[in-house]
């Protein structure tokens, strides 16, 4: 009985499979952000029928705001436990990004962009573990 309890305890103490609970290096984080940005830009290019020039401008905007988010996420900037303040800053960055991207688009593309964003938000909430 004792051996069974020890085995069960050891199994429960293990972190879940995958990356949860594990810290990633700044290099890995940067690589993941670049991959995510490339995927997002490809999705936008297709969904909005962007020209090469507009796609490059959108990528530039995304790069700028990704850098702001990365800066905010650095451990030295997260101190103090002010989670709500950080959430508001991230929300402001998101809103500024969306407004700047929209400024590059035609009216038709803006409507498609709004629809694209609306479809992404529930997926992002599920990915982050939040309730839809």
Protein backbone atom coordinates (compact mmCIF):
# COMPACT_ATOMS: atom_id res chain seq x y z
CA UNK A 1 0.00 0.00 0.00
CA UNK A 2 2.85 2.36 0.88
CA UNK A 3 4.59 1.62 -2.45
CA UNK A 4 1.38 2.37 -4.33
CA UNK A 5 0.96 5.69 -2.51
CA UNK A 6 4.58 6.68 -3.19
CA UNK A 7 4.24 5.80 -6.88
CA UNK A 8 0.99 7.75 -7.21
CA UNK A 9 2.50 10.72 -5.40
CA UNK A 10 5.53 10.73 -7.67
CA UNK A 11 3.33 10.61 -10.76
CA UNK A 12 1.20 13.52 -9.56
CA UNK A 13 4.29 15.59 -8.79
CA UNK A 14 5.43 15.44 -12.41
CA UNK A 15 4.64 18.47 -14.59
CA UNK A 16 2.15 17.86 -17.39
CA UNK A 17 3.47 16.79 -20.77
CA UNK A 18 4.46 19.53 -23.18
CA UNK A 19 5.68 23.03 -22.39
CA UNK A 20 3.26 23.88 -19.56
CA UNK A 21 5.07 24.76 -16.41
CA UNK A 22 8.40 24.97 -18.19
CA UNK A 23 10.26 28.19 -18.79
CA UNK A 24 11.46 28.87 -22.30
CA UNK A 25 14.57 30.77 -23.18
CA UNK A 26 14.38 34.28 -24.65
CA UNK A 27 15.67 32.85 -27.93
CA UNK A 28 12.87 30.25 -28.02
CA UNK A 29 10.29 32.92 -27.16
CA UNK A 30 11.61 35.16 -29.96
CA UNK A 31 11.49 32.28 -32.44
CA UNK A 32 7.92 31.44 -31.44
CA UNK A 33 6.86 35.09 -31.83
CA UNK A 34 8.43 35.25 -35.29
CA UNK A 35 6.65 32.05 -36.32
CA UNK A 36 3.35 33.37 -34.97
CA UNK A 37 3.82 36.70 -36.76
CA UNK A 38 4.59 34.93 -40.05
CA UNK A 39 1.51 32.74 -39.66
CA UNK A 40 -0.70 35.71 -38.77
CA UNK A 41 0.64 37.72 -41.73
CA UNK A 42 0.04 34.84 -44.14
CA UNK A 43 -3.52 34.44 -42.85
CA UNK A 44 -4.16 38.17 -43.22
CA UNK A 45 -2.66 38.31 -46.68
CA UNK A 46 -4.98 35.55 -47.86
CA UNK A 47 -8.11 36.63 -45.94
CA UNK A 48 -7.85 40.28 -47.00
CA UNK A 49 -6.31 39.81 -50.47
CA UNK A 50 -3.44 42.14 -49.59
CA UNK A 51 -1.02 43.47 -52.17
CA UNK A 52 2.70 42.90 -51.59
CA UNK A 53 3.16 46.51 -50.49
CA UNK A 54 0.25 46.45 -48.03
CA UNK A 55 1.32 43.05 -46.69
CA UNK A 56 4.80 44.45 -45.99
CA UNK A 57 3.31 47.47 -44.21
CA UNK A 58 1.06 45.25 -42.11
CA UNK A 59 4.06 43.08 -41.21
CA UNK A 60 5.95 46.21 -40.16
CA UNK A 61 3.06 47.28 -37.92
CA UNK A 62 2.83 43.80 -36.39
CA UNK A 63 6.59 43.77 -35.76
CA UNK A 64 6.41 47.12 -33.99
CA UNK A 65 3.61 46.06 -31.66
CA UNK A 66 5.08 42.60 -31.07
CA UNK A 67 8.25 44.34 -29.86
CA UNK A 68 6.18 46.46 -27.45
CA UNK A 69 4.48 43.35 -26.10
CA UNK A 70 7.83 41.57 -25.73
CA UNK A 71 9.21 44.53 -23.77
CA UNK A 72 6.19 44.49 -21.48
CA UNK A 73 6.60 40.75 -20.88
CA UNK A 74 10.23 40.96 -19.75
CA UNK A 75 10.59 39.81 -16.13
CA UNK A 76 11.96 43.18 -14.99
CA UNK A 77 8.83 44.89 -16.35
CA UNK A 78 6.39 42.39 -14.83
CA UNK A 79 7.38 42.96 -11.22
CA UNK A 80 5.05 44.23 -8.56
CA UNK A 81 2.25 41.79 -9.27
CA UNK A 82 0.14 44.43 -11.00
CA UNK A 83 -1.59 41.95 -13.27
CA UNK A 84 -4.54 44.23 -14.04
CA UNK A 85 -2.24 47.10 -15.04
CA UNK A 86 -0.32 44.80 -17.38
CA UNK A 87 -3.55 43.46 -18.86
CA UNK A 88 -4.68 47.03 -19.59
CA UNK A 89 -1.34 47.85 -21.23
CA UNK A 90 -1.59 44.75 -23.41
CA UNK A 91 -5.16 45.69 -24.33
CA UNK A 92 -4.00 49.19 -25.32
CA UNK A 93 -1.24 47.73 -27.48
CA UNK A 94 -3.78 45.43 -29.15
CA UNK A 95 -6.18 48.29 -29.86
CA UNK A 96 -3.39 50.48 -31.24
CA UNK A 97 -2.19 47.63 -33.49
CA UNK A 98 -5.68 47.03 -34.86
CA UNK A 99 -6.24 50.74 -35.51
CA UNK A 100 -2.92 51.10 -37.32
CA UNK A 101 -3.50 48.00 -39.44
CA UNK A 102 -6.98 49.27 -40.34
CA UNK A 103 -5.50 52.59 -41.46
CA UNK A 104 -3.60 50.68 -44.17
CA UNK A 105 -6.68 48.90 -45.53
CA UNK A 106 -9.48 49.74 -47.92
CA UNK A 107 -13.05 49.86 -46.58
CA UNK A 108 -13.70 46.37 -47.95
CA UNK A 109 -10.51 45.01 -46.40
CA UNK A 110 -11.38 46.68 -43.07
CA UNK A 111 -14.70 44.81 -42.99
CA UNK A 112 -12.89 41.54 -43.72
CA UNK A 113 -10.31 42.38 -41.04
CA UNK A 114 -13.04 42.94 -38.44
CA UNK A 115 -14.54 39.56 -39.34
CA UNK A 116 -11.11 37.89 -39.21
CA UNK A 117 -10.48 39.37 -35.75
CA UNK A 118 -13.89 38.27 -34.49
CA UNK A 119 -13.15 34.71 -35.60
CA UNK A 120 -9.72 34.70 -33.92
CA UNK A 121 -10.74 35.98 -30.50
CA UNK A 122 -12.65 32.87 -29.35
CA UNK A 123 -9.71 30.71 -30.46
CA UNK A 124 -7.29 32.88 -28.49
CA UNK A 125 -9.44 32.67 -25.36
CA UNK A 126 -9.55 28.87 -25.56
CA UNK A 127 -5.80 28.71 -26.18
CA UNK A 128 -5.13 30.88 -23.11
CA UNK A 129 -7.50 28.80 -21.01
CA UNK A 130 -10.04 31.61 -20.48
CA UNK A 131 -13.76 31.09 -20.63
CA UNK A 132 -15.31 32.09 -24.00
